[in-house]
């Protein structure tokens, strides 16, 4: 997989033109992001929205119970990731359908992302919240880092997210491991750490 590099500064202008006119010109937008934007536009995702729909508590409890093993195995790796990166990040594990099961990390970041419903029980897929590392990673079945204006929804532009699918013994995706933080804290190594943890 090609190493992640920061997108060109033209990404903000490319996003504005795309959501207003539906046009993609130049090379400011990576192919994987451009394809996702097109899917989002076709699905009618509101680029000025971006708050994840949440399950009622009873359904979240049932979903967590059906993924007990995944949560139990993922949690030590989530804690290790947070210890390495320090403050300013949160780490998330989802199930195979993009529902957030467990969210750990910096209390300030948790408070800010909760305003987006980036909380346990929310479904973070392209069809509900646009281009994002979790949902787009599930869609393309590959690790992905999404930075600032690469997100389809404007509410997500302050953030960067790095996600990698977690596969079971038979190679089927059983969940996603994701790390999220402010976009000015992005680093190419973040995705590598998440990929390694997801593989483990």
Protein backbone atom coordinates (compact mmCIF):
# COMPACT_ATOMS: atom_id res chain seq x y z
CA UNK A 1 0.00 0.00 0.00
CA UNK A 2 1.29 3.47 -0.88
CA UNK A 3 2.39 5.47 2.15
CA UNK A 4 0.09 8.27 3.20
CA UNK A 5 1.21 11.81 2.49
CA UNK A 6 -0.60 15.00 3.37
CA UNK A 7 -3.07 16.02 0.66
CA UNK A 8 -2.40 19.16 -1.33
CA UNK A 9 -3.73 22.41 0.06
CA UNK A 10 -6.13 22.53 -2.89
CA UNK A 11 -8.28 19.87 -1.23
CA UNK A 12 -10.42 22.51 0.52
CA UNK A 13 -11.21 24.24 -2.78
CA UNK A 14 -11.82 20.88 -4.45
CA UNK A 15 -14.29 19.93 -1.72
CA UNK A 16 -16.18 23.23 -2.03
CA UNK A 17 -16.45 22.92 -5.80
CA UNK A 18 -17.54 19.31 -5.60
CA UNK A 19 -20.32 19.80 -3.05
CA UNK A 20 -21.59 22.90 -4.82
CA UNK A 21 -21.23 21.83 -8.47
CA UNK A 22 -20.41 18.11 -8.49
CA UNK A 23 -17.15 18.69 -10.39
CA UNK A 24 -13.75 17.20 -9.61
CA UNK A 25 -10.84 18.82 -11.41
CA UNK A 26 -7.09 18.57 -11.01
CA UNK A 27 -5.27 16.08 -8.81
CA UNK A 28 -5.87 17.54 -5.35
CA UNK A 29 -8.15 14.62 -4.40
CA UNK A 30 -6.83 11.07 -4.07
CA UNK A 31 -8.63 8.47 -6.18
CA UNK A 32 -9.99 6.57 -3.17
CA UNK A 33 -11.43 9.81 -1.74
CA UNK A 34 -12.85 10.98 -5.07
CA UNK A 35 -14.64 7.66 -5.51
CA UNK A 36 -16.05 7.95 -2.00
CA UNK A 37 -17.25 11.53 -2.58
CA UNK A 38 -19.09 10.37 -5.68
CA UNK A 39 -20.76 7.55 -3.74
CA UNK A 40 -21.79 10.00 -1.02
CA UNK A 41 -23.25 12.46 -3.50
CA UNK A 42 -25.16 9.67 -5.25
CA UNK A 43 -26.49 8.44 -1.88
CA UNK A 44 -27.72 11.94 -1.02
CA UNK A 45 -25.47 12.46 2.01
CA UNK A 46 -25.70 16.03 3.31
CA UNK A 47 -22.17 17.52 3.10
CA UNK A 48 -23.13 20.04 5.76
CA UNK A 49 -24.33 17.32 8.14
CA UNK A 50 -22.27 14.48 9.55
CA UNK A 51 -23.76 13.47 12.90
CA UNK A 52 -23.93 9.71 13.23
CA UNK A 53 -27.32 8.11 13.93
CA UNK A 54 -27.30 6.27 17.27
CA UNK A 55 -28.86 3.03 18.43
CA UNK A 56 -31.11 3.04 21.50
CA UNK A 57 -29.29 1.80 24.60
CA UNK A 58 -30.99 -1.63 24.57
CA UNK A 59 -29.85 -2.34 21.00
CA UNK A 60 -26.34 -1.09 21.73
CA UNK A 61 -26.16 -3.43 24.72
CA UNK A 62 -27.20 -6.38 22.54
CA UNK A 63 -24.68 -5.46 19.85
CA UNK A 64 -21.89 -5.13 22.40
CA UNK A 65 -22.81 -8.50 23.91
CA UNK A 66 -22.66 -10.15 20.49
CA UNK A 67 -19.17 -8.67 20.02
CA UNK A 68 -17.81 -9.35 23.52
CA UNK A 69 -14.76 -11.24 22.25
CA UNK A 70 -13.86 -8.53 19.74
CA UNK A 71 -14.07 -5.81 22.39
CA UNK A 72 -12.11 -7.85 24.94
CA UNK A 73 -9.31 -8.61 22.48
CA UNK A 74 -9.19 -5.10 21.02
CA UNK A 75 -9.11 -3.15 24.27
CA UNK A 76 -5.45 -3.85 25.25
CA UNK A 77 -4.32 -2.78 21.77
CA UNK A 78 -6.45 0.36 22.00
CA UNK A 79 -4.84 1.20 25.34
CA UNK A 80 -1.36 0.56 23.91
CA UNK A 81 -2.02 2.88 20.98
CA UNK A 82 -3.14 5.64 23.32
CA UNK A 83 -0.05 5.20 25.46
CA UNK A 84 2.17 5.60 22.39
CA UNK A 85 0.45 8.67 20.88
CA UNK A 86 -0.31 10.43 24.16
CA UNK A 87 -2.97 13.09 24.59
CA UNK A 88 -5.07 14.43 21.75
CA UNK A 89 -6.38 11.17 20.30
CA UNK A 90 -9.16 8.67 20.78
CA UNK A 91 -9.24 5.05 19.65
CA UNK A 92 -12.38 3.24 18.52
CA UNK A 93 -13.35 -0.31 17.68
CA UNK A 94 -16.45 -0.96 15.57
CA UNK A 95 -18.27 -4.06 14.46
CA UNK A 96 -18.44 -5.26 10.85
CA UNK A 97 -21.37 -2.92 10.11
CA UNK A 98 -19.63 0.23 11.31
CA UNK A 99 -21.34 0.55 14.70
CA UNK A 100 -19.03 2.03 17.32
CA UNK A 101 -18.65 -0.45 20.19
CA UNK A 102 -15.90 1.03 22.37
CA UNK A 103 -14.35 4.52 22.45
CA UNK A 104 -11.31 5.36 24.61
CA UNK A 105 -8.96 8.30 24.90
CA UNK A 106 -8.42 11.97 25.60
CA UNK A 107 -11.39 13.38 27.57
CA UNK A 108 -11.30 16.70 25.71
CA UNK A 109 -11.39 14.96 22.33
CA UNK A 110 -14.14 12.63 23.56
CA UNK A 111 -16.21 15.66 24.55
CA UNK A 112 -15.71 17.34 21.16
CA UNK A 113 -16.43 14.24 19.10
CA UNK A 114 -19.50 13.39 21.15
CA UNK A 115 -21.05 16.52 19.63
CA UNK A 116 -20.88 14.63 16.31
CA UNK A 117 -22.46 11.53 17.90
CA UNK A 118 -19.07 9.84 17.51
CA UNK A 119 -20.01 7.65 20.46
CA UNK A 120 -20.80 3.97 21.16
CA UNK A 121 -23.92 2.98 19.26
CA UNK A 122 -23.43 5.39 16.36
CA UNK A 123 -23.11 3.96 12.86
CA UNK A 124 -20.18 5.48 11.04
CA UNK A 125 -20.59 4.43 7.40
CA UNK A 126 -20.50 6.44 4.18
CA UNK A 127 -24.25 6.31 3.73
CA UNK A 128 -24.87 7.99 7.10
CA UNK A 129 -21.90 10.31 7.65
CA UNK A 130 -20.07 10.53 4.32
CA UNK A 131 -16.43 9.82 3.58
CA UNK A 132 -14.65 8.80 6.79
CA UNK A 133 -11.88 6.39 7.67
CA UNK A 134 -14.15 3.79 9.30
CA UNK A 135 -16.92 3.68 6.72
CA UNK A 136 -14.70 4.07 3.68
CA UNK A 137 -12.26 1.49 5.02
CA UNK A 138 -15.18 -0.94 5.30
CA UNK A 139 -16.31 -0.03 1.79
CA UNK A 140 -12.91 -0.58 0.12
CA UNK A 141 -11.86 -3.36 2.54
CA UNK A 142 -8.47 -1.74 3.15
CA UNK A 143 -6.69 0.51 5.67
CA UNK A 144 -7.24 4.21 5.10
CA UNK A 145 -6.35 7.58 6.55
CA UNK A 146 -8.77 10.46 5.92
CA UNK A 147 -7.55 13.99 6.58
CA UNK A 148 -9.48 17.23 7.15
CA UNK A 149 -11.36 18.28 3.99
CA UNK A 150 -11.06 14.77 2.56
CA UNK A 151 -14.07 14.03 4.78
CA UNK A 152 -17.26 14.55 2.78
CA UNK A 153 -19.09 16.25 5.66
CA UNK A 154 -17.88 19.68 6.73
CA UNK A 155 -18.37 18.94 10.45
CA UNK A 156 -15.52 16.41 10.19
CA UNK A 157 -12.99 18.76 8.57
CA UNK A 158 -11.16 19.55 11.85
CA UNK A 159 -10.27 15.87 12.26
CA UNK A 160 -8.01 13.18 10.90
CA UNK A 161 -8.89 9.50 11.19
CA UNK A 162 -6.86 6.35 10.53
CA UNK A 163 -8.67 3.03 10.26
CA UNK A 164 -7.89 -0.57 9.45
CA UNK A 165 -10.25 -3.53 9.11
CA UNK A 166 -9.95 -6.33 11.64
CA UNK A 167 -10.27 -9.75 10.04
CA UNK A 168 -11.22 -13.05 11.62
CA UNK A 169 -9.47 -16.40 11.15
CA UNK A 170 -11.28 -16.99 7.84
CA UNK A 171 -10.37 -13.58 6.44
CA UNK A 172 -13.80 -12.04 6.96
CA UNK A 173 -13.96 -8.47 8.28
CA UNK A 174 -15.30 -8.55 11.84
CA UNK A 175 -14.68 -4.91 12.77
CA UNK A 176 -12.54 -1.82 12.33
CA UNK A 177 -9.90 -0.23 14.55
CA UNK A 178 -9.71 3.55 14.24
CA UNK A 179 -7.68 6.39 15.72
CA UNK A 180 -9.01 9.96 15.56
CA UNK A 181 -7.46 13.30 16.49
CA UNK A 182 -7.20 16.92 15.36
CA UNK A 183 -6.08 17.25 11.74
CA UNK A 184 -3.01 19.28 12.75
CA UNK A 185 -1.77 16.21 14.67
CA UNK A 186 -1.78 13.93 11.63
CA UNK A 187 1.29 11.79 10.97
CA UNK A 188 1.92 9.10 8.40
CA UNK A 189 2.99 6.69 11.17
CA UNK A 190 -0.48 6.84 12.75
CA UNK A 191 -2.00 4.65 10.06
CA UNK A 192 0.89 2.19 10.32
CA UNK A 193 0.34 1.81 14.06
CA UNK A 194 -3.38 1.23 13.58
CA UNK A 195 -2.73 -1.33 10.83
CA UNK A 196 -0.28 -3.23 13.03
CA UNK A 197 -2.71 -3.27 15.95
CA UNK A 198 -5.59 -4.41 13.72
CA UNK A 199 -3.47 -7.26 12.32
CA UNK A 200 -2.47 -8.29 15.84
